[in-house]
Amino acid sequence: MKCEVFIGPWNQVMDAFNKWAKGKLLTKEVVIHTNALAVYKAGEYSGYICITVYHPEDPFWDKAVE
């Protein structure tokens, strides 16, 4: 199994994850785990998320984001 991690501001992470996952068929071998985070920077909180994807070792899943 391999792991892809997307972390940062929620809107940027969702865009990056959706771009990476486009055209990939989710099967029972793929596990997606999402965590919400509150990050305190420069006197204010920001909404961050972390999406962790565990997937089989396969060239199809390893294809880089274009």
Protein backbone atom coordinates (compact mmCIF):
# COMPACT_ATOMS: atom_id res chain seq x y z
CA MET A 1 0.00 0.00 0.00
CA LYS A 2 1.03 3.58 -0.61
CA CYS A 3 -0.11 6.85 0.90
CA GLU A 4 -0.94 10.30 -0.52
CA VAL A 5 -1.37 13.21 1.91
CA PHE A 6 -3.06 16.51 1.09
CA ILE A 7 -2.90 19.14 3.85
CA GLY A 8 -3.54 22.87 3.97
CA PRO A 9 -6.38 25.38 3.66
CA TRP A 10 -9.59 23.45 2.95
CA ASN A 11 -10.30 24.99 -0.47
CA GLN A 12 -6.78 24.35 -1.81
CA VAL A 13 -6.72 20.80 -0.44
CA MET A 14 -10.10 19.95 -1.96
CA ASP A 15 -8.96 21.26 -5.36
CA ALA A 16 -5.68 19.29 -5.21
CA PHE A 17 -7.40 16.08 -4.07
CA ASN A 18 -10.13 16.34 -6.73
CA LYS A 19 -7.51 16.95 -9.43
CA TRP A 20 -5.48 13.92 -8.26
CA ALA A 21 -8.55 11.65 -7.94
CA LYS A 22 -10.14 12.61 -11.28
CA GLY A 23 -10.70 9.53 -13.40
CA LYS A 24 -9.59 7.11 -10.68
CA LEU A 25 -12.07 4.42 -9.66
CA LEU A 26 -12.42 4.13 -5.90
CA THR A 27 -12.49 0.48 -4.82
CA LYS A 28 -12.57 -1.35 -1.51
CA GLU A 29 -8.73 -1.31 -1.50
CA VAL A 30 -8.71 2.51 -1.28
CA VAL A 31 -9.09 4.15 2.14
CA ILE A 32 -9.68 7.90 2.42
CA HIS A 33 -9.37 9.55 5.83
CA THR A 34 -10.19 13.24 6.38
CA ASN A 35 -9.38 15.38 9.43
CA ALA A 36 -10.43 18.96 10.10
CA LEU A 37 -7.85 21.18 11.78
CA ALA A 38 -8.01 24.64 13.36
CA VAL A 39 -4.69 26.40 12.77
CA TYR A 40 -3.90 29.52 14.78
CA LYS A 41 -1.65 31.91 12.82
CA ALA A 42 -1.08 35.63 13.15
CA GLY A 43 -3.83 36.11 15.70
CA GLU A 44 -6.62 34.28 13.90
CA TYR A 45 -7.83 30.76 13.24
CA SER A 46 -7.84 29.21 9.78
CA GLY A 47 -9.77 26.14 8.65
CA TYR A 48 -7.36 23.48 7.44
CA ILE A 49 -8.01 19.89 6.44
CA CYS A 50 -5.85 16.84 5.95
CA ILE A 51 -6.91 14.17 3.45
CA THR A 52 -4.93 10.94 3.63
CA VAL A 53 -5.45 8.33 0.90
CA TYR A 54 -4.13 4.76 1.20
CA HIS A 55 -4.08 2.98 -2.16
CA PRO A 56 -2.53 -0.08 -3.82
CA GLU A 57 0.95 0.14 -5.32
CA ASP A 58 0.05 0.50 -8.97
CA PRO A 59 1.22 2.84 -11.76
CA PHE A 60 -2.39 3.96 -12.25
CA TRP A 61 -2.60 5.32 -8.69
CA ASP A 62 0.94 6.68 -8.74
CA LYS A 63 0.24 8.90 -11.77
CA ALA A 64 1.28 12.45 -10.97
CA VAL A 65 -1.16 15.34 -10.98
CA GLU A 66 -1.05 17.10 -14.34
